Amino acid sequence: KNPTQRPTPPPTQNPTLSPTLQPSPAPTIWIQHNKFNFYELQAKLEITSSFHVNISAASVQEDIIQSIALGLSIGREYVRLDTADTMTTVSGRRLQANTEALLLGFTVFTLNPEQRSFYVAQLEETATY
């Protein structure tokens, strides 16, 4: 049994299972290229804060998408952030209290009308996430 020499006995059997002809695509790759095959649900989410909310960074936008997906119990690849608008409300005469509101528009993609109806009901039942 010298490691520099070839083994003398041939394999005992051929493989029992043949490999598949082609690997199946990853679901996220398929979804990114075929969004026309899905049912869309547009929704809005309002976030209020006493501080300015800056969403210009891509990482913050990805965090928002991830939060929406977690709140809906859906994969993040099924959520697209569409719009973001900000409003500042100033209240009080002597002591001003500013409130920042961030209004996010997003789209949820579903595979069939039943899933779309489920998420419509889920979004209508909950005022805030």
C-alpha atoms as a PDB file:
ATOM      1  CA  LYS A   1       0.000   0.000   0.000  1.00  0.00           C
ATOM      2  CA  ASN A   2       2.303   2.615  -1.314  1.00  0.00           C
ATOM      3  CA  PRO A   3       0.597   6.054  -1.616  1.00  0.00           C
ATOM      4  CA  THR A   4       2.610   6.892  -4.737  1.00  0.00           C
ATOM      5  CA  GLN A   5       1.234   3.924  -6.688  1.00  0.00           C
ATOM      6  CA  ARG A   6      -2.215   3.468  -8.184  1.00  0.00           C
ATOM      7  CA  PRO A   7      -4.612   1.205  -6.309  1.00  0.00           C
ATOM      8  CA  THR A   8      -4.711  -2.256  -7.792  1.00  0.00           C
ATOM      9  CA  PRO A   9      -8.338  -3.286  -7.249  1.00  0.00           C
ATOM     10  CA  PRO A  10     -10.913  -1.573  -9.507  1.00  0.00           C
ATOM     11  CA  PRO A  11     -14.067  -0.081  -7.988  1.00  0.00           C
ATOM     12  CA  THR A  12     -16.519  -2.708  -6.840  1.00  0.00           C
ATOM     13  CA  GLN A  13     -19.572  -1.193  -8.518  1.00  0.00           C
ATOM     14  CA  ASN A  14     -20.640   1.607 -10.814  1.00  0.00           C
ATOM     15  CA  PRO A  15     -22.538   4.539  -9.298  1.00  0.00           C
ATOM     16  CA  THR A  16     -26.152   3.617  -8.603  1.00  0.00           C
ATOM     17  CA  LEU A  17     -27.658   7.047  -9.300  1.00  0.00           C
ATOM     18  CA  SER A  18     -26.862   9.126 -12.338  1.00  0.00           C
ATOM     19  CA  PRO A  19     -26.460  12.882 -11.827  1.00  0.00           C
ATOM     20  CA  THR A  20     -29.257  15.189 -12.924  1.00  0.00           C
ATOM     21  CA  LEU A  21     -29.011  16.662 -16.387  1.00  0.00           C
ATOM     22  CA  GLN A  22     -29.140  20.268 -15.201  1.00  0.00           C
ATOM     23  CA  PRO A  23     -29.203  21.815 -11.722  1.00  0.00           C
ATOM     24  CA  SER A  24     -32.365  23.634 -10.758  1.00  0.00           C
ATOM     25  CA  PRO A  25     -31.993  27.422 -10.570  1.00  0.00           C
ATOM     26  CA  ALA A  26     -31.869  29.150  -7.203  1.00  0.00           C
ATOM     27  CA  PRO A  27     -35.311  30.628  -6.384  1.00  0.00           C
ATOM     28  CA  THR A  28     -33.994  34.152  -5.922  1.00  0.00           C
ATOM     29  CA  ILE A  29     -32.399  34.155  -9.382  1.00  0.00           C
ATOM     30  CA  TRP A  30     -35.655  32.984 -10.964  1.00  0.00           C
ATOM     31  CA  ILE A  31     -37.708  35.583  -9.090  1.00  0.00           C
ATOM     32  CA  GLN A  32     -35.446  38.475 -10.073  1.00  0.00           C
ATOM     33  CA  HIS A  33     -35.925  37.754 -13.761  1.00  0.00           C
ATOM     34  CA  ASN A  34     -39.586  36.713 -13.841  1.00  0.00           C
ATOM     35  CA  LYS A  35     -41.517  39.241 -11.730  1.00  0.00           C
ATOM     36  CA  PHE A  36     -44.168  39.496 -14.451  1.00  0.00           C
ATOM     37  CA  ASN A  37     -45.314  35.998 -13.470  1.00  0.00           C
ATOM     38  CA  PHE A  38     -46.322  37.139  -9.969  1.00  0.00           C
ATOM     39  CA  TYR A  39     -49.328  38.824  -8.409  1.00  0.00           C
ATOM     40  CA  GLU A  40     -48.490  42.260  -7.044  1.00  0.00           C
ATOM     41  CA  LEU A  41     -49.749  43.927  -3.901  1.00  0.00           C
ATOM     42  CA  GLN A  42     -48.914  47.590  -3.355  1.00  0.00           C
ATOM     43  CA  ALA A  43     -48.816  48.801   0.241  1.00  0.00           C
ATOM     44  CA  LYS A  44     -47.651  51.747   2.321  1.00  0.00           C
ATOM     45  CA  LEU A  45     -45.961  51.885   5.685  1.00  0.00           C
ATOM     46  CA  GLU A  46     -45.581  54.980   7.846  1.00  0.00           C
ATOM     47  CA  ILE A  47     -42.751  55.271  10.353  1.00  0.00           C
ATOM     48  CA  THR A  48     -42.841  58.175  12.809  1.00  0.00           C
ATOM     49  CA  SER A  49     -39.914  59.311  14.886  1.00  0.00           C
ATOM     50  CA  SER A  50     -38.775  62.307  16.887  1.00  0.00           C
ATOM     51  CA  PHE A  51     -35.482  62.096  14.986  1.00  0.00           C
ATOM     52  CA  HIS A  52     -34.639  62.410  11.300  1.00  0.00           C
ATOM     53  CA  VAL A  53     -34.661  59.074   9.482  1.00  0.00           C
ATOM     54  CA  ASN A  54     -32.078  58.888   6.711  1.00  0.00           C
ATOM     55  CA  ILE A  55     -32.711  56.099   4.220  1.00  0.00           C
ATOM     56  CA  SER A  56     -30.288  57.166   1.499  1.00  0.00           C
ATOM     57  CA  ALA A  57     -27.839  54.365   2.333  1.00  0.00           C
ATOM     58  CA  ALA A  58     -28.396  51.092   0.478  1.00  0.00           C
ATOM     59  CA  SER A  59     -27.834  49.129   3.691  1.00  0.00           C
ATOM     60  CA  VAL A  60     -30.678  51.004   5.421  1.00  0.00           C
ATOM     61  CA  GLN A  61     -32.983  50.319   2.468  1.00  0.00           C
ATOM     62  CA  GLU A  62     -32.064  46.618   2.620  1.00  0.00           C
ATOM     63  CA  ASP A  63     -32.781  46.626   6.371  1.00  0.00           C
ATOM     64  CA  ILE A  64     -36.214  48.144   5.711  1.00  0.00           C
ATOM     65  CA  ILE A  65     -36.968  45.498   3.072  1.00  0.00           C
ATOM     66  CA  GLN A  66     -35.807  42.773   5.468  1.00  0.00           C
ATOM     67  CA  SER A  67     -38.014  44.192   8.258  1.00  0.00           C
ATOM     68  CA  ILE A  68     -41.071  44.273   5.994  1.00  0.00           C
ATOM     69  CA  ALA A  69     -40.381  40.703   4.867  1.00  0.00           C
ATOM     70  CA  LEU A  70     -39.989  39.505   8.469  1.00  0.00           C
ATOM     71  CA  GLY A  71     -43.187  41.299   9.491  1.00  0.00           C
ATOM     72  CA  LEU A  72     -45.085  39.531   6.712  1.00  0.00           C
ATOM     73  CA  SER A  73     -43.267  36.179   7.157  1.00  0.00           C
ATOM     74  CA  ILE A  74     -42.216  36.182   3.517  1.00  0.00           C
ATOM     75  CA  GLY A  75     -38.835  35.971   1.813  1.00  0.00           C
ATOM     76  CA  ARG A  76     -37.108  39.308   1.270  1.00  0.00           C
ATOM     77  CA  GLU A  77     -36.892  38.590  -2.465  1.00  0.00           C
ATOM     78  CA  TYR A  78     -40.693  38.964  -2.593  1.00  0.00           C
ATOM     79  CA  VAL A  79     -40.554  42.595  -1.354  1.00  0.00           C
ATOM     80  CA  ARG A  80     -39.562  45.649  -3.395  1.00  0.00           C
ATOM     81  CA  LEU A  81     -39.171  49.136  -1.922  1.00  0.00           C
ATOM     82  CA  ASP A  82     -40.755  51.594  -4.372  1.00  0.00           C
ATOM     83  CA  THR A  83     -41.010  55.065  -2.822  1.00  0.00           C
ATOM     84  CA  ALA A  84     -39.974  57.015   0.250  1.00  0.00           C
ATOM     85  CA  ASP A  85     -41.412  60.385   1.291  1.00  0.00           C
ATOM     86  CA  THR A  86     -40.660  62.373   4.418  1.00  0.00           C
ATOM     87  CA  MET A  87     -42.738  64.899   6.351  1.00  0.00           C
ATOM     88  CA  THR A  88     -41.820  67.027   9.341  1.00  0.00           C
ATOM     89  CA  THR A  89     -44.521  68.212  11.727  1.00  0.00           C
ATOM     90  CA  VAL A  90     -43.751  71.063  14.097  1.00  0.00           C
ATOM     91  CA  SER A  91     -46.055  71.459  17.106  1.00  0.00           C
ATOM     92  CA  GLY A  92     -46.103  73.767  20.099  1.00  0.00           C
ATOM     93  CA  ARG A  93     -45.471  77.505  20.494  1.00  0.00           C
ATOM     94  CA  ARG A  94     -42.731  77.789  23.080  1.00  0.00           C
ATOM     95  CA  LEU A  95     -41.317  74.285  23.161  1.00  0.00           C
ATOM     96  CA  GLN A  96     -41.261  73.004  19.629  1.00  0.00           C
ATOM     97  CA  ALA A  97     -41.592  69.283  19.168  1.00  0.00           C
ATOM     98  CA  ASN A  98     -40.673  68.013  15.725  1.00  0.00           C
ATOM     99  CA  THR A  99     -42.025  64.744  14.458  1.00  0.00           C
ATOM    100  CA  GLU A 100     -40.536  63.095  11.400  1.00  0.00           C
ATOM    101  CA  ALA A 101     -42.768  60.809   9.336  1.00  0.00           C
ATOM    102  CA  LEU A 102     -41.353  58.474   6.719  1.00  0.00           C
ATOM    103  CA  LEU A 103     -43.931  57.104   4.279  1.00  0.00           C
ATOM    104  CA  LEU A 104     -42.688  54.029   2.429  1.00  0.00           C
ATOM    105  CA  GLY A 105     -44.375  52.529  -0.612  1.00  0.00           C
ATOM    106  CA  PHE A 106     -43.536  48.924  -1.326  1.00  0.00           C
ATOM    107  CA  THR A 107     -44.691  45.996  -3.443  1.00  0.00           C
ATOM    108  CA  VAL A 108     -45.186  42.421  -2.285  1.00  0.00           C
ATOM    109  CA  PHE A 109     -45.019  39.702  -4.948  1.00  0.00           C
ATOM    110  CA  THR A 110     -47.059  36.527  -4.487  1.00  0.00           C
ATOM    111  CA  LEU A 111     -47.203  33.304  -6.465  1.00  0.00           C
ATOM    112  CA  ASN A 112     -50.997  33.062  -6.766  1.00  0.00           C
ATOM    113  CA  PRO A 113     -54.212  35.010  -6.062  1.00  0.00           C
ATOM    114  CA  GLU A 114     -54.790  33.142  -2.791  1.00  0.00           C
ATOM    115  CA  GLN A 115     -51.458  34.298  -1.369  1.00  0.00           C
ATOM    116  CA  ARG A 116     -52.212  37.837  -2.533  1.00  0.00           C
ATOM    117  CA  SER A 117     -55.562  37.761  -0.689  1.00  0.00           C
ATOM    118  CA  PHE A 118     -53.821  36.428   2.422  1.00  0.00           C
ATOM    119  CA  TYR A 119     -51.329  39.315   2.479  1.00  0.00           C
ATOM    120  CA  VAL A 120     -54.035  41.893   1.708  1.00  0.00           C
ATOM    121  CA  ALA A 121     -55.919  40.648   4.779  1.00  0.00           C
ATOM    122  CA  GLN A 122     -52.741  40.579   6.877  1.00  0.00           C
ATOM    123  CA  LEU A 123     -51.888  44.181   5.968  1.00  0.00           C
ATOM    124  CA  GLU A 124     -55.455  45.382   6.610  1.00  0.00           C
ATOM    125  CA  GLU A 125     -55.613  43.716  10.037  1.00  0.00           C
ATOM    126  CA  THR A 126     -52.460  45.376  11.326  1.00  0.00           C
ATOM    127  CA  ALA A 127     -52.186  49.133  11.530  1.00  0.00           C
ATOM    128  CA  THR A 128     -48.491  49.106  12.461  1.00  0.00           C
ATOM    129  CA  TYR A 129     -45.560  46.721  12.358  1.00  0.00           C
END
